[in-house]
Amino acid sequence: MRMVELQNDVDRLTALENTFRDAQNQARFDLRTLEKKIPALSASIKVVTPLAESIPDWDAAGRPLTVLGAGEPAAHPERPERGEALLEAIRFRWMGLKGMGAGHYKSIAEFPSGVQLQMSRPADGEDIHLRLFGGALDEPIWMRNLDADSTLKSTSLSATASGILTRVENAYAAIATRPQRLQHDLERAISDKDLAAVRADGVFPDADRLTGLRVELQQIKMAIEAAQNSPEERARREAAQLRLASSGREPGWSLQWNPTKQMLEESPCDSVDRYRAAVQIGEARDQRNGTAPTLLTAENSPRPRSPRMSPAAVSNRSAR
């Protein structure tokens, strides 16, 4: 009974220990990742801050950008013409990007800071992908996709061009708040690193108890094994085997008299009584032949005789 209790406790605590180890390994992985992420964020803040500080001047100057279309780059001082030129550049690039896939970007406009507006055409051709990248940007700024049909086949040229230009201008203007967002990410990464460091160096709370239970369980198993291999126990098993052999039986012989469902299905007998009768006939045959008993199968099964009637049954039958 004690061995069963110990095994259950060891299994339960071992499962908890494995869960603890998995969490600890994840914390160590997070720690390595954050140790690279934190200096990268710090560097990005330093690089993008001057760009962010230039946004108000860009806004005050009328939000200029240079369109990179089919011909020479053009600044287009008037906003309506700038929007229409941008739409025309999108249509031009759309044809040239056919079959290149969503990962292949081409520049269609550039801001005074060197940041570029880029587009790509996915294989299905349903959307136009846009992003801001280059210059002092630490990573791409992804914009909401444009629907290809409504953009390229629009009958309202001025409204479509103005809407696209407004979307691009707002995405670039949002760079002004990027250092604050990066600073927030940096502070969160530092906090996550501190938590990961605690989890990575922790010790399983029930480690000592689990070790003690494992030692006790092993001691019990060793004691049982020693008892089973003692001279007295070996002598007892040998004596039992001799008794079985003297009666023409072997270990497990009683199972033949109490067959399982599978044993019955694999035999030629259709009932437990017929199975037992066949076993009795087989044992008698083995004793006469001096052979070891065998498991009853369809191949070696003797044909069972009708169960022997008692004297009383014989008397009643004669009377009838």
Protein backbone atom coordinates (compact mmCIF):
# COMPACT_ATOMS: atom_id res chain seq x y z
CA MET A 1 0.00 0.00 0.00
CA ARG A 2 2.81 2.39 0.87
CA MET A 3 4.50 1.68 -2.45
CA VAL A 4 1.34 2.64 -4.37
CA GLU A 5 1.00 5.88 -2.41
CA LEU A 6 4.65 6.73 -3.01
CA GLN A 7 4.37 6.03 -6.73
CA ASN A 8 1.31 8.30 -7.03
CA ASP A 9 3.07 11.12 -5.16
CA VAL A 10 6.23 10.73 -7.24
CA ASP A 11 4.24 10.77 -10.50
CA ARG A 12 2.29 13.88 -9.45
CA LEU A 13 5.35 15.82 -8.30
CA THR A 14 7.33 14.73 -11.34
CA ALA A 15 4.63 16.18 -13.61
CA LEU A 16 4.74 19.45 -11.66
CA GLU A 17 8.54 19.47 -11.89
CA ASN A 18 8.36 18.99 -15.67
CA THR A 19 5.92 21.91 -15.96
CA PHE A 20 8.26 24.03 -13.84
CA ARG A 21 11.23 23.09 -16.02
CA ASP A 22 9.34 23.94 -19.20
CA ALA A 23 8.46 27.37 -17.82
CA GLN A 24 12.07 27.85 -16.73
CA ASN A 25 13.39 26.95 -20.19
CA GLN A 26 10.92 29.39 -21.76
CA ALA A 27 12.09 32.10 -19.35
CA ARG A 28 15.71 31.48 -20.33
CA PHE A 29 14.78 31.73 -24.01
CA ASP A 30 12.89 34.97 -23.35
CA LEU A 31 15.88 36.30 -21.43
CA ARG A 32 18.23 35.70 -24.36
CA THR A 33 15.77 37.34 -26.74
CA LEU A 34 15.28 40.39 -24.52
CA GLU A 35 19.02 40.82 -24.02
CA LYS A 36 19.21 41.44 -27.78
CA LYS A 37 15.97 43.40 -28.06
CA ILE A 38 16.73 46.00 -25.37
CA PRO A 39 19.89 47.46 -26.95
CA ALA A 40 18.21 47.34 -30.38
CA LEU A 41 15.30 49.42 -29.06
CA SER A 42 17.68 51.90 -27.44
CA ALA A 43 19.53 52.30 -30.73
CA SER A 44 16.26 52.75 -32.65
CA ILE A 45 15.15 55.53 -30.31
CA LYS A 46 18.37 57.43 -30.92
CA VAL A 47 18.11 57.06 -34.69
CA VAL A 48 14.41 57.87 -35.12
CA THR A 49 14.23 60.79 -32.68
CA PRO A 50 15.74 63.35 -35.10
CA LEU A 51 13.33 62.15 -37.79
CA ALA A 52 10.39 62.52 -35.43
CA GLU A 53 11.48 66.02 -34.48
CA SER A 54 11.53 67.01 -38.17
CA ILE A 55 7.86 66.18 -38.72
CA PRO A 56 6.48 69.57 -37.53
CA ASP A 57 8.70 71.42 -40.02
CA TRP A 58 7.61 69.06 -42.81
CA ASP A 59 3.98 69.70 -41.90
CA ALA A 60 4.50 73.46 -41.84
CA ALA A 61 6.13 73.30 -45.29
CA GLY A 62 2.95 71.88 -46.81
CA ARG A 63 3.74 68.18 -46.43
CA PRO A 64 5.92 67.85 -49.52
CA LEU A 65 6.99 64.58 -51.16
CA THR A 66 8.61 63.64 -54.43
CA VAL A 67 6.72 61.23 -56.71
CA LEU A 68 8.82 58.53 -58.35
CA GLY A 69 6.84 57.54 -61.40
CA ALA A 70 7.52 56.60 -64.99
CA GLY A 71 9.48 59.77 -65.74
CA GLU A 72 11.78 61.99 -63.75
CA PRO A 73 11.06 62.47 -60.02
CA ALA A 74 8.70 65.41 -59.52
CA ALA A 75 7.87 67.38 -56.38
CA HIS A 76 4.54 68.92 -57.55
CA PRO A 77 4.12 71.96 -55.27
CA GLU A 78 0.32 71.88 -55.50
CA ARG A 79 -1.37 69.17 -53.47
CA PRO A 80 -4.04 68.10 -56.05
CA GLU A 81 -1.38 67.59 -58.71
CA ARG A 82 0.78 65.74 -56.18
CA GLY A 83 -2.06 63.34 -55.36
CA GLU A 84 -2.84 62.67 -59.03
CA ALA A 85 0.84 62.07 -59.79
CA LEU A 86 1.02 59.59 -56.87
CA LEU A 87 -2.02 57.70 -58.17
CA GLU A 88 -0.48 57.58 -61.63
CA ALA A 89 2.77 56.22 -60.14
CA ILE A 90 0.80 53.47 -58.37
CA ARG A 91 -0.87 52.45 -61.62
CA PHE A 92 2.47 52.46 -63.43
CA ARG A 93 4.21 50.34 -60.79
CA TRP A 94 1.23 47.97 -60.66
CA MET A 95 1.86 46.85 -64.21
CA GLY A 96 5.60 46.42 -63.66
CA LEU A 97 5.12 44.39 -60.47
CA LYS A 98 2.91 41.74 -62.07
CA GLY A 99 4.02 38.24 -61.05
CA MET A 100 6.68 39.42 -58.56
CA GLY A 101 4.73 38.68 -55.36
CA ALA A 102 3.93 40.59 -52.19
CA GLY A 103 7.53 40.56 -50.93
CA HIS A 104 8.92 42.56 -53.86
CA TYR A 105 8.58 46.31 -53.14
CA LYS A 106 9.17 49.27 -55.46
CA SER A 107 9.46 52.93 -54.40
CA ILE A 108 6.77 55.32 -55.66
CA ALA A 109 7.48 58.43 -53.56
CA GLU A 110 10.12 59.91 -51.25
CA PHE A 111 9.92 62.39 -48.37
CA PRO A 112 12.56 65.07 -47.72
CA SER A 113 13.98 62.96 -44.86
CA GLY A 114 14.82 60.09 -47.22
CA VAL A 115 11.92 57.88 -46.05
CA GLN A 116 10.25 56.26 -49.07
CA LEU A 117 6.73 55.14 -49.85
CA GLN A 118 6.93 51.65 -51.35
CA MET A 119 4.34 49.29 -52.86
CA SER A 120 4.09 45.63 -53.84
CA ARG A 121 1.63 43.46 -55.77
CA PRO A 122 0.64 40.08 -54.27
CA ALA A 123 0.17 37.08 -56.51
CA ASP A 124 -3.64 37.18 -56.26
CA GLY A 125 -3.67 40.83 -57.41
CA GLU A 126 -6.55 41.78 -55.11
CA ASP A 127 -4.75 44.39 -52.95
CA ILE A 128 -2.02 46.98 -53.22
CA HIS A 129 0.44 46.72 -50.31
CA LEU A 130 2.01 49.97 -49.06
CA ARG A 131 4.73 50.69 -46.52
CA LEU A 132 7.09 53.48 -45.38
CA PHE A 133 10.71 52.43 -45.19
CA GLY A 134 14.25 53.70 -45.52
CA GLY A 135 16.00 56.79 -44.22
CA ALA A 136 16.12 56.89 -40.42
CA LEU A 137 13.28 54.40 -39.94
CA ASP A 138 14.39 51.48 -37.74
CA GLU A 139 11.83 49.16 -39.37
CA PRO A 140 9.05 49.35 -42.00
CA ILE A 141 5.78 51.08 -41.16
CA TRP A 142 3.02 49.01 -42.74
CA MET A 143 -0.01 50.83 -44.08
CA ARG A 144 -3.51 49.53 -44.70
CA ASN A 145 -3.79 47.83 -48.09
CA LEU A 146 -5.57 49.48 -50.98
CA ASP A 147 -8.23 47.61 -52.92
CA ALA A 148 -6.79 47.13 -56.41
CA ASP A 149 -10.04 47.36 -58.37
CA SER A 150 -11.40 50.50 -56.70
CA THR A 151 -7.98 52.18 -56.87
CA LEU A 152 -6.97 51.32 -60.42
CA LYS A 153 -10.41 51.53 -62.05
CA SER A 154 -11.81 54.50 -60.17
CA THR A 155 -13.86 56.94 -62.24
CA SER A 156 -13.41 59.68 -59.64
CA LEU A 157 -9.73 60.45 -60.17
CA SER A 158 -9.48 63.51 -57.91
CA ALA A 159 -11.25 61.93 -54.92
CA THR A 160 -9.26 58.69 -55.14
CA ALA A 161 -5.96 60.53 -55.50
CA SER A 162 -6.72 62.86 -52.58
CA GLY A 163 -7.73 59.95 -50.35
CA ILE A 164 -4.54 57.99 -51.04
CA LEU A 165 -2.35 61.06 -50.49
CA THR A 166 -4.07 61.82 -47.18
CA ARG A 167 -3.49 58.28 -46.01
CA VAL A 168 0.22 58.48 -46.92
CA GLU A 169 0.66 61.89 -45.26
CA ASN A 170 -0.97 60.71 -42.02
CA ALA A 171 1.22 57.60 -41.88
CA TYR A 172 4.35 59.74 -42.23
CA ALA A 173 3.10 62.32 -39.70
CA ALA A 174 2.60 59.52 -37.14
CA ILE A 175 6.39 59.06 -37.04
CA ALA A 176 6.40 62.07 -34.68
CA THR A 177 5.15 59.80 -31.87
CA ARG A 178 7.35 56.84 -32.73
CA PRO A 179 10.09 57.58 -30.13
CA GLN A 180 7.47 57.55 -27.37
CA ARG A 181 6.13 54.19 -28.54
CA LEU A 182 9.64 52.78 -28.75
CA GLN A 183 10.40 54.09 -25.26
CA HIS A 184 7.29 52.33 -23.96
CA ASP A 185 8.42 49.10 -25.65
CA LEU A 186 11.88 49.53 -24.11
CA GLU A 187 10.51 49.95 -20.58
CA ARG A 188 8.27 46.90 -21.00
CA ALA A 189 11.19 44.84 -22.34
CA ILE A 190 13.32 45.80 -19.32
CA SER A 191 10.49 44.79 -16.97
CA ASP A 192 9.98 41.49 -18.82
CA LYS A 193 13.70 40.81 -18.60
CA ASP A 194 13.68 41.26 -14.82
CA LEU A 195 10.77 38.81 -14.47
CA ALA A 196 12.38 36.30 -16.83
CA ALA A 197 15.63 36.45 -14.86
CA VAL A 198 13.78 35.46 -11.67
CA ARG A 199 11.98 32.54 -13.36
CA ALA A 200 15.13 31.36 -15.13
CA ASP A 201 17.11 30.98 -11.88
CA GLY A 202 14.32 29.51 -9.74
CA VAL A 203 14.34 26.11 -8.04
CA PHE A 204 11.40 23.67 -8.05
CA PRO A 205 9.70 24.27 -4.67
CA ASP A 206 9.13 20.57 -3.90
CA ALA A 207 12.51 19.38 -5.17
CA ASP A 208 13.69 18.10 -1.75
CA ARG A 209 10.42 16.33 -1.05
CA LEU A 210 10.42 14.70 -4.48
CA THR A 211 13.99 13.48 -3.96
CA GLY A 212 13.05 11.97 -0.59
CA LEU A 213 10.01 10.21 -2.03
CA ARG A 214 12.05 8.79 -4.91
CA VAL A 215 14.67 7.46 -2.49
CA GLU A 216 12.03 5.84 -0.29
CA LEU A 217 10.25 4.33 -3.29
CA GLN A 218 13.51 2.92 -4.63
CA GLN A 219 14.34 1.44 -1.23
CA ILE A 220 10.98 -0.34 -1.13
CA LYS A 221 11.47 -1.69 -4.65
CA MET A 222 14.94 -2.93 -3.78
CA ALA A 223 13.61 -4.60 -0.63
CA ILE A 224 10.87 -6.35 -2.62
CA GLU A 225 13.36 -7.47 -5.25
CA ALA A 226 15.73 -8.76 -2.55
CA ALA A 227 12.91 -10.68 -0.89
CA GLN A 228 11.88 -12.23 -4.20
CA ASN A 229 15.45 -13.37 -4.85
CA SER A 230 16.12 -14.70 -1.35
CA PRO A 231 17.04 -18.41 -0.98
CA GLU A 232 13.79 -19.07 0.84
CA GLU A 233 11.66 -17.47 -1.89
CA ARG A 234 13.52 -19.27 -4.67
CA ALA A 235 13.06 -22.58 -2.82
CA ARG A 236 9.35 -21.88 -2.42
CA ARG A 237 8.94 -21.16 -6.16
CA GLU A 238 10.89 -24.25 -7.13
CA ALA A 239 8.74 -26.41 -4.81
CA ALA A 240 5.57 -24.96 -6.34
CA GLN A 241 6.87 -25.70 -9.85
CA LEU A 242 7.66 -29.29 -8.85
CA ARG A 243 4.14 -29.76 -7.49
CA LEU A 244 2.66 -28.47 -10.72
CA ALA A 245 4.95 -30.63 -12.82
CA SER A 246 4.09 -33.74 -10.81
CA SER A 247 0.43 -33.21 -11.66
CA GLY A 248 1.19 -32.46 -15.30
CA ARG A 249 0.48 -28.74 -14.99
CA GLU A 250 2.39 -25.50 -15.40
CA PRO A 251 2.01 -21.94 -14.03
CA GLY A 252 -1.22 -20.34 -15.16
CA TRP A 253 -3.00 -23.66 -15.67
CA SER A 254 -6.06 -22.51 -13.71
CA LEU A 255 -6.77 -19.91 -16.40
CA GLN A 256 -7.74 -22.80 -18.68
CA TRP A 257 -10.59 -23.56 -16.31
CA ASN A 258 -11.71 -19.93 -16.18
CA PRO A 259 -11.20 -18.74 -19.78
CA THR A 260 -11.35 -15.10 -20.71
CA LYS A 261 -13.70 -13.83 -23.40
CA GLN A 262 -10.84 -13.66 -25.90
CA MET A 263 -9.72 -17.23 -25.11
CA LEU A 264 -13.25 -18.47 -25.65
CA GLU A 265 -13.55 -16.60 -28.97
CA GLU A 266 -10.25 -18.07 -30.22
CA SER A 267 -11.30 -21.63 -29.31
CA PRO A 268 -13.75 -23.90 -31.20
CA CYS A 269 -16.05 -24.00 -28.17
CA ASP A 270 -19.26 -22.01 -28.04
CA SER A 271 -19.60 -21.94 -24.23
CA VAL A 272 -17.51 -21.94 -21.06
CA ASP A 273 -18.80 -25.41 -20.11
CA ARG A 274 -17.72 -26.94 -23.42
CA TYR A 275 -14.35 -25.19 -23.08
CA ARG A 276 -13.81 -26.70 -19.63
CA ALA A 277 -14.87 -30.13 -20.85
CA ALA A 278 -12.36 -29.90 -23.69
CA VAL A 279 -9.63 -28.83 -21.25
CA GLN A 280 -10.41 -31.82 -18.99
CA ILE A 281 -10.13 -34.20 -21.94
CA GLY A 282 -6.89 -32.56 -23.05
CA GLU A 283 -5.32 -32.80 -19.61
CA ALA A 284 -6.19 -36.47 -19.38
CA ARG A 285 -4.62 -37.05 -22.79
CA ASP A 286 -1.45 -35.17 -21.80
CA GLN A 287 -1.12 -37.24 -18.63
CA ARG A 288 -1.46 -40.49 -20.59
CA ASN A 289 1.08 -39.35 -23.19
CA GLY A 290 3.42 -37.78 -20.67
CA THR A 291 3.39 -34.44 -22.52
CA ALA A 292 3.21 -30.92 -21.13
CA PRO A 293 -0.19 -29.26 -21.11
CA THR A 294 -0.85 -26.90 -24.00
CA LEU A 295 -3.14 -23.94 -24.52
CA LEU A 296 -6.48 -24.90 -26.03
CA THR A 297 -6.78 -23.78 -29.68
CA ALA A 298 -8.79 -24.77 -32.70
CA GLU A 299 -5.93 -26.99 -33.88
CA ASN A 300 -5.30 -29.02 -30.70
CA SER A 301 -8.77 -29.01 -29.22
CA PRO A 302 -10.20 -32.48 -28.44
CA ARG A 303 -13.84 -33.02 -29.13
CA PRO A 304 -15.57 -32.61 -25.77
CA ARG A 305 -17.90 -35.35 -24.69
CA SER A 306 -21.27 -34.72 -23.16
CA PRO A 307 -20.93 -33.97 -19.47
CA ARG A 308 -21.01 -37.09 -17.34
CA MET A 309 -24.43 -37.62 -15.70
CA SER A 310 -24.67 -38.16 -12.00
CA PRO A 311 -25.98 -41.57 -10.66
CA ALA A 312 -29.23 -39.91 -9.73
CA ALA A 313 -29.66 -38.61 -13.27
CA VAL A 314 -28.96 -42.10 -14.66
CA SER A 315 -31.55 -43.64 -12.31
CA ASN A 316 -34.18 -41.08 -13.29
CA ARG A 317 -33.45 -41.67 -16.99
CA SER A 318 -33.81 -45.49 -16.55
CA ALA A 319 -37.04 -45.04 -14.71
CA ARG A 320 -38.43 -43.11 -17.63
